[in-house]
Amino acid sequence: DVNLPSFDGYYWCRQIRLVSTCPIIFISARSG
């Protein structure tokens, strides 16, 4: 999800990409 407590999904996506190339699918109410 994008809207998360403390840090948003964009931040965690970047952190995961530092250690893994596994697929990441965002699910969010932000439709823009």
PDB file of all heavy atoms in Angstrom:
ATOM      1  N   ASP A   1       0.845  -1.193   0.000  1.00  0.00           N
ATOM      2  CA  ASP A   1       0.000   0.000   0.000  1.00  0.00           C
ATOM      3  C   ASP A   1       0.883   1.247   0.000  1.00  0.00           C
ATOM      4  O   ASP A   1       2.040   1.195   0.433  1.00  0.00           O
ATOM      5  CB  ASP A   1      -0.905  -0.025   1.232  1.00  0.00           C
ATOM      6  CG  ASP A   1      -2.006   1.030   1.165  1.00  0.00           C
ATOM      7  OD1 ASP A   1      -2.191   1.645   0.089  1.00  0.00           O
ATOM      8  OD2 ASP A   1      -2.682   1.232   2.188  1.00  0.00           O
ATOM      9  N   VAL A   2       0.335   2.366  -0.468  1.00  0.00           N
ATOM     10  CA  VAL A   2       1.080   3.623  -0.459  1.00  0.00           C
ATOM     11  C   VAL A   2       0.976   4.284   0.909  1.00  0.00           C
ATOM     12  O   VAL A   2       1.972   4.662   1.520  1.00  0.00           O
ATOM     13  CB  VAL A   2       0.583   4.584  -1.562  1.00  0.00           C
ATOM     14  CG1 VAL A   2       1.259   5.943  -1.414  1.00  0.00           C
ATOM     15  CG2 VAL A   2       0.863   4.010  -2.939  1.00  0.00           C
ATOM     16  N   ASN A   3      -0.244   4.450   1.395  1.00  0.00           N
ATOM     17  CA  ASN A   3      -0.472   5.143   2.664  1.00  0.00           C
ATOM     18  C   ASN A   3      -0.271   4.191   3.840  1.00  0.00           C
ATOM     19  O   ASN A   3      -1.111   3.346   4.121  1.00  0.00           O
ATOM     20  CB  ASN A   3      -1.891   5.714   2.701  1.00  0.00           C
ATOM     21  CG  ASN A   3      -2.097   6.790   1.658  1.00  0.00           C
ATOM     22  OD1 ASN A   3      -1.217   7.603   1.419  1.00  0.00           O
ATOM     23  ND2 ASN A   3      -3.259   6.788   1.026  1.00  0.00           N
ATOM     24  N   LEU A   4       0.869   4.348   4.488  1.00  0.00           N
ATOM     25  CA  LEU A   4       1.211   3.494   5.631  1.00  0.00           C
ATOM     26  C   LEU A   4       1.677   4.365   6.797  1.00  0.00           C
ATOM     27  O   LEU A   4       2.138   5.491   6.586  1.00  0.00           O
ATOM     28  CB  LEU A   4       2.337   2.523   5.251  1.00  0.00           C
ATOM     29  CG  LEU A   4       2.031   1.480   4.179  1.00  0.00           C
ATOM     30  CD1 LEU A   4       3.313   0.802   3.728  1.00  0.00           C
ATOM     31  CD2 LEU A   4       1.031   0.447   4.699  1.00  0.00           C
ATOM     32  N   PRO A   5       1.583   3.867   8.025  1.00  0.00           N
ATOM     33  CA  PRO A   5       2.107   4.623   9.170  1.00  0.00           C
ATOM     34  C   PRO A   5       3.620   4.811   9.056  1.00  0.00           C
ATOM     35  O   PRO A   5       4.319   3.982   8.487  1.00  0.00           O
ATOM     36  CB  PRO A   5       1.756   3.724  10.368  1.00  0.00           C
ATOM     37  CG  PRO A   5       0.668   2.825   9.883  1.00  0.00           C
ATOM     38  CD  PRO A   5       0.925   2.609   8.421  1.00  0.00           C
ATOM     39  N   SER A   6       4.112   5.887   9.607  1.00  0.00           N
ATOM     40  CA  SER A   6       5.557   6.187   9.689  1.00  0.00           C
ATOM     41  C   SER A   6       6.163   6.492   8.328  1.00  0.00           C
ATOM     42  O   SER A   6       6.495   7.629   8.022  1.00  0.00           O
ATOM     43  CB  SER A   6       6.323   5.048  10.361  1.00  0.00           C
ATOM     44  OG  SER A   6       5.823   4.833  11.668  1.00  0.00           O
ATOM     45  N   PHE A   7       6.332   5.487   7.467  1.00  0.00           N
ATOM     46  CA  PHE A   7       6.915   5.688   6.143  1.00  0.00           C
ATOM     47  C   PHE A   7       5.934   5.173   5.095  1.00  0.00           C
ATOM     48  O   PHE A   7       5.262   4.163   5.317  1.00  0.00           O
ATOM     49  CB  PHE A   7       8.251   4.947   6.006  1.00  0.00           C
ATOM     50  CG  PHE A   7       9.291   5.378   6.997  1.00  0.00           C
ATOM     51  CD1 PHE A   7       9.491   4.655   8.160  1.00  0.00           C
ATOM     52  CD2 PHE A   7      10.051   6.508   6.770  1.00  0.00           C
ATOM     53  CE1 PHE A   7      10.451   5.042   9.084  1.00  0.00           C
ATOM     54  CE2 PHE A   7      11.016   6.912   7.686  1.00  0.00           C
ATOM     55  CZ  PHE A   7      11.211   6.179   8.852  1.00  0.00           C
ATOM     56  N   ASP A   8       5.880   5.850   3.952  1.00  0.00           N
ATOM     57  CA  ASP A   8       4.924   5.422   2.929  1.00  0.00           C
ATOM     58  C   ASP A   8       5.471   4.267   2.094  1.00  0.00           C
ATOM     59  O   ASP A   8       6.629   3.848   2.235  1.00  0.00           O
ATOM     60  CB  ASP A   8       4.501   6.594   2.033  1.00  0.00           C
ATOM     61  CG  ASP A   8       5.653   7.201   1.241  1.00  0.00           C
ATOM     62  OD1 ASP A   8       6.670   6.513   1.023  1.00  0.00           O
ATOM     63  OD2 ASP A   8       5.538   8.371   0.825  1.00  0.00           O
ATOM     64  N   GLY A   9       4.621   3.741   1.230  1.00  0.00           N
ATOM     65  CA  GLY A   9       4.997   2.598   0.411  1.00  0.00           C
ATOM     66  C   GLY A   9       6.133   2.888  -0.550  1.00  0.00           C
ATOM     67  O   GLY A   9       6.919   1.980  -0.874  1.00  0.00           O
ATOM     68  N   TYR A  10       6.248   4.125  -1.022  1.00  0.00           N
ATOM     69  CA  TYR A  10       7.347   4.474  -1.923  1.00  0.00           C
ATOM     70  C   TYR A  10       8.691   4.261  -1.227  1.00  0.00           C
ATOM     71  O   TYR A  10       9.642   3.740  -1.821  1.00  0.00           O
ATOM     72  CB  TYR A  10       7.237   5.930  -2.380  1.00  0.00           C
ATOM     73  CG  TYR A  10       5.935   6.279  -3.055  1.00  0.00           C
ATOM     74  CD1 TYR A  10       5.174   7.358  -2.617  1.00  0.00           C
ATOM     75  CD2 TYR A  10       5.470   5.535  -4.128  1.00  0.00           C
ATOM     76  CE1 TYR A  10       3.979   7.690  -3.232  1.00  0.00           C
ATOM     77  CE2 TYR A  10       4.270   5.856  -4.756  1.00  0.00           C
ATOM     78  CZ  TYR A  10       3.532   6.937  -4.296  1.00  0.00           C
ATOM     79  OH  TYR A  10       2.352   7.265  -4.915  1.00  0.00           O
ATOM     80  N   TYR A  11       8.746   4.681   0.040  1.00  0.00           N
ATOM     81  CA  TYR A  11       9.983   4.512   0.813  1.00  0.00           C
ATOM     82  C   TYR A  11      10.337   3.034   0.953  1.00  0.00           C
ATOM     83  O   TYR A  11      11.478   2.629   0.706  1.00  0.00           O
ATOM     84  CB  TYR A  11       9.818   5.148   2.198  1.00  0.00           C
ATOM     85  CG  TYR A  11      10.945   4.824   3.147  1.00  0.00           C
ATOM     86  CD1 TYR A  11      12.127   5.557   3.115  1.00  0.00           C
ATOM     87  CD2 TYR A  11      10.825   3.785   4.066  1.00  0.00           C
ATOM     88  CE1 TYR A  11      13.171   5.264   3.983  1.00  0.00           C
ATOM     89  CE2 TYR A  11      11.869   3.482   4.939  1.00  0.00           C
ATOM     90  CZ  TYR A  11      13.037   4.219   4.891  1.00  0.00           C
ATOM     91  OH  TYR A  11      14.078   3.918   5.736  1.00  0.00           O
ATOM     92  N   TRP A  12       9.334   2.226   1.338  1.00  0.00           N
ATOM     93  CA  TRP A  12       9.628   0.806   1.549  1.00  0.00           C
ATOM     94  C   TRP A  12       9.951   0.089   0.242  1.00  0.00           C
ATOM     95  O   TRP A  12      10.753  -0.848   0.227  1.00  0.00           O
ATOM     96  CB  TRP A  12       8.463   0.125   2.262  1.00  0.00           C
ATOM     97  CG  TRP A  12       8.338   0.562   3.688  1.00  0.00           C
ATOM     98  CD1 TRP A  12       7.281   1.187   4.280  1.00  0.00           C
ATOM     99  CD2 TRP A  12       9.340   0.424   4.705  1.00  0.00           C
ATOM    100  NE1 TRP A  12       7.554   1.444   5.600  1.00  0.00           N
ATOM    101  CE2 TRP A  12       8.808   0.984   5.890  1.00  0.00           C
ATOM    102  CE3 TRP A  12      10.615  -0.116   4.738  1.00  0.00           C
ATOM    103  CZ2 TRP A  12       9.519   1.016   7.085  1.00  0.00           C
ATOM    104  CZ3 TRP A  12      11.327  -0.083   5.926  1.00  0.00           C
ATOM    105  CH2 TRP A  12      10.790   0.479   7.079  1.00  0.00           C
ATOM    106  N   CYS A  13       9.363   0.550  -0.848  1.00  0.00           N
ATOM    107  CA  CYS A  13       9.698  -0.029  -2.157  1.00  0.00           C
ATOM    108  C   CYS A  13      11.170   0.203  -2.471  1.00  0.00           C
ATOM    109  O   CYS A  13      11.877  -0.705  -2.911  1.00  0.00           O
ATOM    110  CB  CYS A  13       8.811   0.585  -3.247  1.00  0.00           C
ATOM    111  SG  CYS A  13       8.998  -0.188  -4.865  1.00  0.00           S
ATOM    112  N   ARG A  14      11.647   1.420  -2.212  1.00  0.00           N
ATOM    113  CA  ARG A  14      13.065   1.721  -2.458  1.00  0.00           C
ATOM    114  C   ARG A  14      13.971   0.875  -1.575  1.00  0.00           C
ATOM    115  O   ARG A  14      15.026   0.397  -2.026  1.00  0.00           O
ATOM    116  CB  ARG A  14      13.350   3.214  -2.206  1.00  0.00           C
ATOM    117  CG  ARG A  14      12.699   4.145  -3.201  1.00  0.00           C
ATOM    118  CD  ARG A  14      13.292   5.543  -3.117  1.00  0.00           C
ATOM    119  NE  ARG A  14      13.158   6.130  -1.783  1.00  0.00           N
ATOM    120  CZ  ARG A  14      12.112   6.816  -1.368  1.00  0.00           C
ATOM    121  NH1 ARG A  14      11.062   6.990  -2.170  1.00  0.00           N
ATOM    122  NH2 ARG A  14      12.073   7.340  -0.155  1.00  0.00           N
ATOM    123  N   GLN A  15      13.573   0.686  -0.312  1.00  0.00           N
ATOM    124  CA  GLN A  15      14.388  -0.112   0.600  1.00  0.00           C
ATOM    125  C   GLN A  15      14.461  -1.574   0.159  1.00  0.00           C
ATOM    126  O   GLN A  15      15.526  -2.193   0.193  1.00  0.00           O
ATOM    127  CB  GLN A  15      13.819  -0.027   2.026  1.00  0.00           C
ATOM    128  CG  GLN A  15      13.818   1.367   2.622  1.00  0.00           C
ATOM    129  CD  GLN A  15      15.193   2.016   2.578  1.00  0.00           C
ATOM    130  OE1 GLN A  15      16.162   1.474   3.110  1.00  0.00           O
ATOM    131  NE2 GLN A  15      15.297   3.159   1.938  1.00  0.00           N
ATOM    132  N   ILE A  16      13.339  -2.121  -0.269  1.00  0.00           N
ATOM    133  CA  ILE A  16      13.325  -3.512  -0.735  1.00  0.00           C
ATOM    134  C   ILE A  16      14.173  -3.667  -1.985  1.00  0.00           C
ATOM    135  O   ILE A  16      14.888  -4.660  -2.149  1.00  0.00           O
ATOM    136  CB  ILE A  16      11.876  -3.974  -0.991  1.00  0.00           C
ATOM    137  CG1 ILE A  16      11.112  -4.085   0.337  1.00  0.00           C
ATOM    138  CG2 ILE A  16      11.849  -5.322  -1.724  1.00  0.00           C
ATOM    139  CD1 ILE A  16       9.629  -4.315   0.176  1.00  0.00           C
ATOM    140  N   ARG A  17      14.128  -2.668  -2.854  1.00  0.00           N
ATOM    141  CA  ARG A  17      14.902  -2.744  -4.096  1.00  0.00           C
ATOM    142  C   ARG A  17      16.411  -2.722  -3.849  1.00  0.00           C
ATOM    143  O   ARG A  17      17.186  -3.119  -4.731  1.00  0.00           O
ATOM    144  CB  ARG A  17      14.505  -1.594  -5.036  1.00  0.00           C
ATOM    145  CG  ARG A  17      13.225  -1.861  -5.800  1.00  0.00           C
ATOM    146  CD  ARG A  17      13.450  -2.964  -6.840  1.00  0.00           C
ATOM    147  NE  ARG A  17      12.198  -3.416  -7.435  1.00  0.00           N
ATOM    148  CZ  ARG A  17      11.585  -4.547  -7.119  1.00  0.00           C
ATOM    149  NH1 ARG A  17      12.099  -5.350  -6.204  1.00  0.00           N
ATOM    150  NH2 ARG A  17      10.466  -4.887  -7.703  1.00  0.00           N
ATOM    151  N   LEU A  18      16.840  -2.294  -2.684  1.00  0.00           N
ATOM    152  CA  LEU A  18      18.271  -2.335  -2.359  1.00  0.00           C
ATOM    153  C   LEU A  18      18.756  -3.756  -2.137  1.00  0.00           C
ATOM    154  O   LEU A  18      19.955  -4.025  -2.240  1.00  0.00           O
ATOM    155  CB  LEU A  18      18.558  -1.488  -1.111  1.00  0.00           C
ATOM    156  CG  LEU A  18      18.349   0.026  -1.242  1.00  0.00           C
ATOM    157  CD1 LEU A  18      18.556   0.694   0.110  1.00  0.00           C
ATOM    158  CD2 LEU A  18      19.308   0.609  -2.276  1.00  0.00           C
ATOM    159  N   VAL A  19      17.830  -4.670  -1.812  1.00  0.00           N
ATOM    160  CA  VAL A  19      18.239  -6.029  -1.467  1.00  0.00           C
ATOM    161  C   VAL A  19      17.585  -7.100  -2.326  1.00  0.00           C
ATOM    162  O   VAL A  19      17.975  -8.275  -2.252  1.00  0.00           O
ATOM    163  CB  VAL A  19      17.943  -6.334   0.023  1.00  0.00           C
ATOM    164  CG1 VAL A  19      18.702  -5.381   0.934  1.00  0.00           C
ATOM    165  CG2 VAL A  19      16.444  -6.258   0.320  1.00  0.00           C
ATOM    166  N   SER A  20      16.593  -6.742  -3.149  1.00  0.00           N
ATOM    167  CA  SER A  20      15.860  -7.779  -3.883  1.00  0.00           C
ATOM    168  C   SER A  20      15.241  -7.228  -5.163  1.00  0.00           C
ATOM    169  O   SER A  20      14.905  -6.037  -5.253  1.00  0.00           O
ATOM    170  CB  SER A  20      14.750  -8.362  -3.000  1.00  0.00           C
ATOM    171  OG  SER A  20      13.956  -9.291  -3.719  1.00  0.00           O
ATOM    172  N   THR A  21      15.080  -8.112  -6.130  1.00  0.00           N
ATOM    173  CA  THR A  21      14.390  -7.767  -7.375  1.00  0.00           C
ATOM    174  C   THR A  21      13.036  -8.464  -7.470  1.00  0.00           C
ATOM    175  O   THR A  21      12.452  -8.543  -8.544  1.00  0.00           O
ATOM    176  CB  THR A  21      15.246  -8.180  -8.594  1.00  0.00           C
ATOM    177  OG1 THR A  21      15.495  -9.597  -8.537  1.00  0.00           O
ATOM    178  CG2 THR A  21      16.561  -7.436  -8.617  1.00  0.00           C
ATOM    179  N   CYS A  22      12.518  -8.979  -6.357  1.00  0.00           N
ATOM    180  CA  CYS A  22      11.234  -9.688  -6.393  1.00  0.00           C
ATOM    181  C   CYS A  22      10.126  -8.733  -6.831  1.00  0.00           C
ATOM    182  O   CYS A  22      10.213  -7.526  -6.596  1.00  0.00           O
ATOM    183  CB  CYS A  22      10.919 -10.313  -5.036  1.00  0.00           C
ATOM    184  SG  CYS A  22      10.075  -9.236  -3.883  1.00  0.00           S
ATOM    185  N   PRO A  23       9.067  -9.237  -7.457  1.00  0.00           N
ATOM    186  CA  PRO A  23       7.985  -8.367  -7.932  1.00  0.00           C
ATOM    187  C   PRO A  23       7.317  -7.611  -6.785  1.00  0.00           C
ATOM    188  O   PRO A  23       7.081  -8.177  -5.714  1.00  0.00           O
ATOM    189  CB  PRO A  23       7.006  -9.348  -8.587  1.00  0.00           C
ATOM    190  CG  PRO A  23       7.816 -10.554  -8.912  1.00  0.00           C
ATOM    191  CD  PRO A  23       8.855 -10.645  -7.849  1.00  0.00           C
ATOM    192  N   ILE A  24       7.011  -6.350  -7.035  1.00  0.00           N
ATOM    193  CA  ILE A  24       6.291  -5.506  -6.083  1.00  0.00           C
ATOM    194  C   ILE A  24       5.081  -4.907  -6.799  1.00  0.00           C
ATOM    195  O   ILE A  24       5.235  -4.246  -7.823  1.00  0.00           O
ATOM    196  CB  ILE A  24       7.176  -4.383  -5.523  1.00  0.00           C
ATOM    197  CG1 ILE A  24       8.376  -4.965  -4.760  1.00  0.00           C
ATOM    198  CG2 ILE A  24       6.361  -3.455  -4.615  1.00  0.00           C
ATOM    199  CD1 ILE A  24       9.369  -3.911  -4.279  1.00  0.00           C
ATOM    200  N   ILE A  25       3.891  -5.158  -6.262  1.00  0.00           N
ATOM    201  CA  ILE A  25       2.661  -4.602  -6.820  1.00  0.00           C
ATOM    202  C   ILE A  25       2.070  -3.637  -5.801  1.00  0.00           C
ATOM    203  O   ILE A  25       1.782  -4.027  -4.668  1.00  0.00           O
ATOM    204  CB  ILE A  25       1.626  -5.702  -7.139  1.00  0.00           C
ATOM    205  CG1 ILE A  25       2.196  -6.705  -8.151  1.00  0.00           C
ATOM    206  CG2 ILE A  25       0.338  -5.079  -7.673  1.00  0.00           C
ATOM    207  CD1 ILE A  25       1.250  -7.865  -8.459  1.00  0.00           C
ATOM    208  N   PHE A  26       1.887  -2.380  -6.208  1.00  0.00           N
ATOM    209  CA  PHE A  26       1.244  -1.403  -5.334  1.00  0.00           C
ATOM    210  C   PHE A  26      -0.269  -1.583  -5.381  1.00  0.00           C
ATOM    211  O   PHE A  26      -0.849  -1.862  -6.441  1.00  0.00           O
ATOM    212  CB  PHE A  26       1.595   0.014  -5.771  1.00  0.00           C
ATOM    213  CG  PHE A  26       2.830   0.562  -5.104  1.00  0.00           C
ATOM    214  CD1 PHE A  26       4.083   0.314  -5.625  1.00  0.00           C
ATOM    215  CD2 PHE A  26       2.733   1.335  -3.954  1.00  0.00           C
ATOM    216  CE1 PHE A  26       5.224   0.820  -5.019  1.00  0.00           C
ATOM    217  CE2 PHE A  26       3.858   1.842  -3.338  1.00  0.00           C
ATOM    218  CZ  PHE A  26       5.110   1.583  -3.869  1.00  0.00           C
ATOM    219  N   ILE A  27      -0.918  -1.422  -4.217  1.00  0.00           N
ATOM    220  CA  ILE A  27      -2.372  -1.371  -4.135  1.00  0.00           C
ATOM    221  C   ILE A  27      -2.707  -0.091  -3.375  1.00  0.00           C
ATOM    222  O   ILE A  27      -2.316   0.067  -2.226  1.00  0.00           O
ATOM    223  CB  ILE A  27      -2.947  -2.611  -3.423  1.00  0.00           C
ATOM    224  CG1 ILE A  27      -2.181  -2.929  -2.138  1.00  0.00           C
ATOM    225  CG2 ILE A  27      -2.926  -3.827  -4.341  1.00  0.00           C
ATOM    226  CD1 ILE A  27      -2.782  -4.051  -1.312  1.00  0.00           C
ATOM    227  N   SER A  28      -3.439   0.830  -4.019  1.00  0.00           N
ATOM    228  CA  SER A  28      -3.625   2.131  -3.402  1.00  0.00           C
ATOM    229  C   SER A  28      -4.914   2.799  -3.852  1.00  0.00           C
ATOM    230  O   SER A  28      -5.385   2.585  -4.980  1.00  0.00           O
ATOM    231  CB  SER A  28      -2.438   3.043  -3.748  1.00  0.00           C
ATOM    232  OG  SER A  28      -2.642   4.347  -3.254  1.00  0.00           O
ATOM    233  N   ALA A  29      -5.459   3.643  -2.965  1.00  0.00           N
ATOM    234  CA  ALA A  29      -6.627   4.453  -3.315  1.00  0.00           C
ATOM    235  C   ALA A  29      -6.225   5.662  -4.150  1.00  0.00           C
ATOM    236  O   ALA A  29      -7.080   6.335  -4.719  1.00  0.00           O
ATOM    237  CB  ALA A  29      -7.344   4.900  -2.043  1.00  0.00           C
ATOM    238  N   ARG A  30      -4.941   5.926  -4.224  1.00  0.00           N
ATOM    239  CA  ARG A  30      -4.457   7.036  -5.052  1.00  0.00           C
ATOM    240  C   ARG A  30      -4.494   6.598  -6.518  1.00  0.00           C
ATOM    241  O   ARG A  30      -3.716   5.741  -6.929  1.00  0.00           O
ATOM    242  CB  ARG A  30      -3.039   7.428  -4.657  1.00  0.00           C
ATOM    243  CG  ARG A  30      -2.897   7.899  -3.220  1.00  0.00           C
ATOM    244  CD  ARG A  30      -1.476   8.411  -2.987  1.00  0.00           C
ATOM    245  NE  ARG A  30      -1.232   8.736  -1.599  1.00  0.00           N
ATOM    246  CZ  ARG A  30      -0.077   9.254  -1.152  1.00  0.00           C
ATOM    247  NH1 ARG A  30       0.920   9.479  -2.009  1.00  0.00           N
ATOM    248  NH2 ARG A  30       0.069   9.524   0.120  1.00  0.00           N
ATOM    249  N   SER A  31      -5.372   7.192  -7.276  1.00  0.00           N
ATOM    250  CA  SER A  31      -5.577   6.732  -8.650  1.00  0.00           C
ATOM    251  C   SER A  31      -4.961   7.653  -9.704  1.00  0.00           C
ATOM    252  O   SER A  31      -5.051   7.373 -10.900  1.00  0.00           O
ATOM    253  CB  SER A  31      -7.087   6.603  -8.940  1.00  0.00           C
ATOM    254  OG  SER A  31      -7.743   7.847  -8.717  1.00  0.00           O
ATOM    255  N   GLY A  32      -4.337   8.739  -9.270  1.00  0.00           N
ATOM    256  CA  GLY A  32      -3.770   9.688 -10.223  1.00  0.00           C
ATOM    257  C   GLY A  32      -2.535   9.150 -10.925  1.00  0.00           C
ATOM    258  O   GLY A  32      -1.788   8.333 -10.382  1.00  0.00           O
TER     259      GLY A  32
END
